[in-house]
Amino acid sequence: MTFDKDELMQLPAEEKRALAYELLDSIDEEFLQKEIPEWKLELIRERLRLDKEEPDDALPWDEVKKKYKR
């Protein structure tokens, strides 16, 4: 599929907005159709379990950002 970006950029704002929403919706639909691998589900379960068992071990997000900011 080909499209002319310059031509699309000339569309009225409402048409560009409608097209953008259609594109985003199509991405959401594709994402929802993908199966989450078991290893990712296990990782999520483990992290949720750890957070529930020891909630005070977590760092505030601001501290994490400061620590790893380059």
N, C-alpha and C. Protein backbone atom coordinates (compact mmCIF):
# COMPACT_ATOMS: atom_id res chain seq x y z
N MET A 1 0.85 -1.18 0.00
CA MET A 1 0.00 0.00 0.00
C MET A 1 0.89 1.24 0.00
N THR A 2 0.58 2.14 -0.87
CA THR A 2 1.34 3.39 -0.91
C THR A 2 0.41 4.55 -0.63
N PHE A 3 1.00 5.61 -0.11
CA PHE A 3 0.23 6.82 0.14
C PHE A 3 1.16 8.00 -0.03
N ASP A 4 0.61 9.14 -0.26
CA ASP A 4 1.39 10.35 -0.44
C ASP A 4 1.25 11.18 0.83
N LYS A 5 2.31 11.20 1.62
CA LYS A 5 2.28 11.91 2.90
C LYS A 5 1.95 13.39 2.70
N ASP A 6 2.54 14.01 1.70
CA ASP A 6 2.27 15.44 1.46
C ASP A 6 0.80 15.68 1.16
N GLU A 7 0.20 14.75 0.42
CA GLU A 7 -1.23 14.88 0.10
C GLU A 7 -2.07 14.73 1.38
N LEU A 8 -1.70 13.76 2.21
CA LEU A 8 -2.43 13.57 3.47
C LEU A 8 -2.32 14.78 4.38
N MET A 9 -1.17 15.40 4.38
CA MET A 9 -0.96 16.57 5.24
C MET A 9 -1.79 17.77 4.78
N GLN A 10 -2.26 17.72 3.55
CA GLN A 10 -3.09 18.82 3.03
C GLN A 10 -4.57 18.64 3.39
N LEU A 11 -4.93 17.50 3.93
CA LEU A 11 -6.33 17.27 4.31
C LEU A 11 -6.75 18.26 5.39
N PRO A 12 -8.04 18.57 5.43
CA PRO A 12 -8.54 19.42 6.52
C PRO A 12 -8.30 18.74 7.87
N ALA A 13 -8.19 19.54 8.91
CA ALA A 13 -7.88 19.03 10.25
C ALA A 13 -8.83 17.91 10.68
N GLU A 14 -10.11 18.06 10.44
CA GLU A 14 -11.07 17.04 10.86
C GLU A 14 -10.83 15.71 10.16
N GLU A 15 -10.49 15.76 8.88
CA GLU A 15 -10.22 14.52 8.14
C GLU A 15 -8.93 13.87 8.64
N LYS A 16 -7.91 14.69 8.93
CA LYS A 16 -6.66 14.14 9.48
C LYS A 16 -6.91 13.51 10.85
N ARG A 17 -7.72 14.16 11.66
CA ARG A 17 -8.03 13.63 12.99
C ARG A 17 -8.77 12.30 12.86
N ALA A 18 -9.75 12.23 11.96
CA ALA A 18 -10.51 11.00 11.76
C ALA A 18 -9.60 9.88 11.27
N LEU A 19 -8.69 10.20 10.36
CA LEU A 19 -7.75 9.21 9.85
C LEU A 19 -6.82 8.73 10.96
N ALA A 20 -6.35 9.66 11.76
CA ALA A 20 -5.46 9.29 12.87
C ALA A 20 -6.17 8.34 13.83
N TYR A 21 -7.41 8.63 14.17
CA TYR A 21 -8.16 7.76 15.08
C TYR A 21 -8.37 6.38 14.45
N GLU A 22 -8.65 6.34 13.17
CA GLU A 22 -8.82 5.05 12.50
C GLU A 22 -7.53 4.23 12.55
N LEU A 23 -6.41 4.91 12.31
CA LEU A 23 -5.11 4.22 12.37
C LEU A 23 -4.83 3.70 13.77
N LEU A 24 -5.07 4.53 14.79
CA LEU A 24 -4.83 4.11 16.16
C LEU A 24 -5.75 2.95 16.55
N ASP A 25 -7.00 3.02 16.15
CA ASP A 25 -7.93 1.93 16.45
C ASP A 25 -7.47 0.62 15.80
N SER A 26 -6.93 0.71 14.59
CA SER A 26 -6.49 -0.50 13.91
C SER A 26 -5.28 -1.10 14.63
N ILE A 27 -4.42 -0.25 15.18
CA ILE A 27 -3.28 -0.74 15.95
C ILE A 27 -3.78 -1.44 17.21
N ASP A 28 -4.73 -0.84 17.90
CA ASP A 28 -5.30 -1.45 19.10
C ASP A 28 -5.89 -2.83 18.78
N GLU A 29 -6.61 -2.92 17.68
CA GLU A 29 -7.22 -4.20 17.30
C GLU A 29 -6.16 -5.26 17.03
N GLU A 30 -5.09 -4.88 16.32
CA GLU A 30 -4.00 -5.83 16.05
C GLU A 30 -3.34 -6.27 17.35
N PHE A 31 -3.12 -5.32 18.26
CA PHE A 31 -2.47 -5.64 19.53
C PHE A 31 -3.32 -6.61 20.35
N LEU A 32 -4.63 -6.38 20.40
CA LEU A 32 -5.51 -7.23 21.19
C LEU A 32 -5.60 -8.65 20.64
N GLN A 33 -5.32 -8.81 19.35
CA GLN A 33 -5.38 -10.14 18.74
C GLN A 33 -4.13 -10.97 19.04
N LYS A 34 -3.06 -10.32 19.47
CA LYS A 34 -1.82 -11.05 19.74
C LYS A 34 -1.90 -11.71 21.11
N GLU A 35 -1.40 -12.91 21.17
CA GLU A 35 -1.39 -13.66 22.42
C GLU A 35 -0.15 -13.27 23.22
N ILE A 36 -0.33 -13.09 24.51
CA ILE A 36 0.80 -12.77 25.38
C ILE A 36 1.53 -14.07 25.70
N PRO A 37 2.85 -14.09 25.45
CA PRO A 37 3.60 -15.32 25.72
C PRO A 37 3.56 -15.69 27.20
N GLU A 38 3.59 -16.97 27.48
CA GLU A 38 3.50 -17.46 28.86
C GLU A 38 4.62 -16.89 29.73
N TRP A 39 5.83 -16.74 29.19
CA TRP A 39 6.94 -16.23 30.00
C TRP A 39 6.67 -14.81 30.47
N LYS A 40 5.97 -14.00 29.63
CA LYS A 40 5.63 -12.63 30.04
C LYS A 40 4.56 -12.66 31.13
N LEU A 41 3.59 -13.54 30.97
CA LEU A 41 2.54 -13.66 31.99
C LEU A 41 3.13 -14.08 33.33
N GLU A 42 4.07 -15.01 33.31
CA GLU A 42 4.73 -15.45 34.54
C GLU A 42 5.49 -14.31 35.19
N LEU A 43 6.19 -13.53 34.39
CA LEU A 43 6.94 -12.39 34.91
C LEU A 43 5.99 -11.37 35.56
N ILE A 44 4.89 -11.10 34.91
CA ILE A 44 3.90 -10.17 35.47
C ILE A 44 3.34 -10.71 36.79
N ARG A 45 3.00 -12.00 36.81
CA ARG A 45 2.47 -12.60 38.04
C ARG A 45 3.48 -12.52 39.18
N GLU A 46 4.73 -12.80 38.85
CA GLU A 46 5.79 -12.76 39.88
C GLU A 46 5.96 -11.35 40.43
N ARG A 47 5.96 -10.37 39.56
CA ARG A 47 6.13 -8.99 40.01
C ARG A 47 4.93 -8.52 40.83
N LEU A 48 3.75 -8.92 40.42
CA LEU A 48 2.56 -8.57 41.21
C LEU A 48 2.60 -9.24 42.59
N ARG A 49 3.03 -10.50 42.62
CA ARG A 49 3.14 -11.22 43.89
C ARG A 49 4.15 -10.52 44.81
N LEU A 50 5.30 -10.16 44.28
CA LEU A 50 6.32 -9.49 45.09
C LEU A 50 5.83 -8.15 45.60
N ASP A 51 5.14 -7.42 44.75
CA ASP A 51 4.62 -6.12 45.17
C ASP A 51 3.57 -6.27 46.27
N LYS A 52 2.76 -7.30 46.16
CA LYS A 52 1.72 -7.53 47.16
C LYS A 52 2.32 -7.97 48.50
N GLU A 53 3.35 -8.83 48.42
CA GLU A 53 3.97 -9.35 49.64
C GLU A 53 4.84 -8.32 50.35
N GLU A 54 5.53 -7.49 49.58
CA GLU A 54 6.45 -6.51 50.17
C GLU A 54 6.32 -5.17 49.46
N PRO A 55 5.21 -4.48 49.66
CA PRO A 55 4.96 -3.23 48.95
C PRO A 55 5.98 -2.13 49.27
N ASP A 56 6.59 -2.18 50.45
CA ASP A 56 7.53 -1.13 50.83
C ASP A 56 8.89 -1.28 50.16
N ASP A 57 9.13 -2.39 49.48
CA ASP A 57 10.40 -2.58 48.79
C ASP A 57 10.49 -1.80 47.48
N ALA A 58 9.37 -1.32 47.01
CA ALA A 58 9.35 -0.59 45.74
C ALA A 58 9.87 0.83 45.92
N LEU A 59 10.52 1.35 44.89
CA LEU A 59 11.00 2.73 44.91
C LEU A 59 9.98 3.63 44.25
N PRO A 60 9.84 4.85 44.74
CA PRO A 60 8.97 5.80 44.05
C PRO A 60 9.51 6.06 42.63
N TRP A 61 8.62 6.29 41.70
CA TRP A 61 9.01 6.47 40.31
C TRP A 61 10.01 7.62 40.14
N ASP A 62 9.84 8.70 40.89
CA ASP A 62 10.77 9.83 40.79
C ASP A 62 12.19 9.41 41.14
N GLU A 63 12.34 8.55 42.14
CA GLU A 63 13.68 8.07 42.51
C GLU A 63 14.29 7.21 41.42
N VAL A 64 13.49 6.37 40.81
CA VAL A 64 13.97 5.51 39.73
C VAL A 64 14.46 6.38 38.57
N LYS A 65 13.66 7.39 38.20
CA LYS A 65 14.04 8.26 37.10
C LYS A 65 15.35 9.00 37.40
N LYS A 66 15.50 9.48 38.63
CA LYS A 66 16.75 10.17 39.01
C LYS A 66 17.94 9.23 38.93
N LYS A 67 17.76 8.01 39.40
CA LYS A 67 18.84 7.05 39.45
C LYS A 67 19.35 6.70 38.06
N TYR A 68 18.46 6.58 37.10
CA TYR A 68 18.84 6.11 35.78
C TYR A 68 18.88 7.21 34.73
N LYS A 69 18.72 8.46 35.16
CA LYS A 69 18.79 9.57 34.22
C LYS A 69 20.23 9.74 33.75
N ARG A 70 20.41 9.92 32.47
CA ARG A 70 21.77 10.05 31.90
C ARG A 70 22.18 11.47 31.75
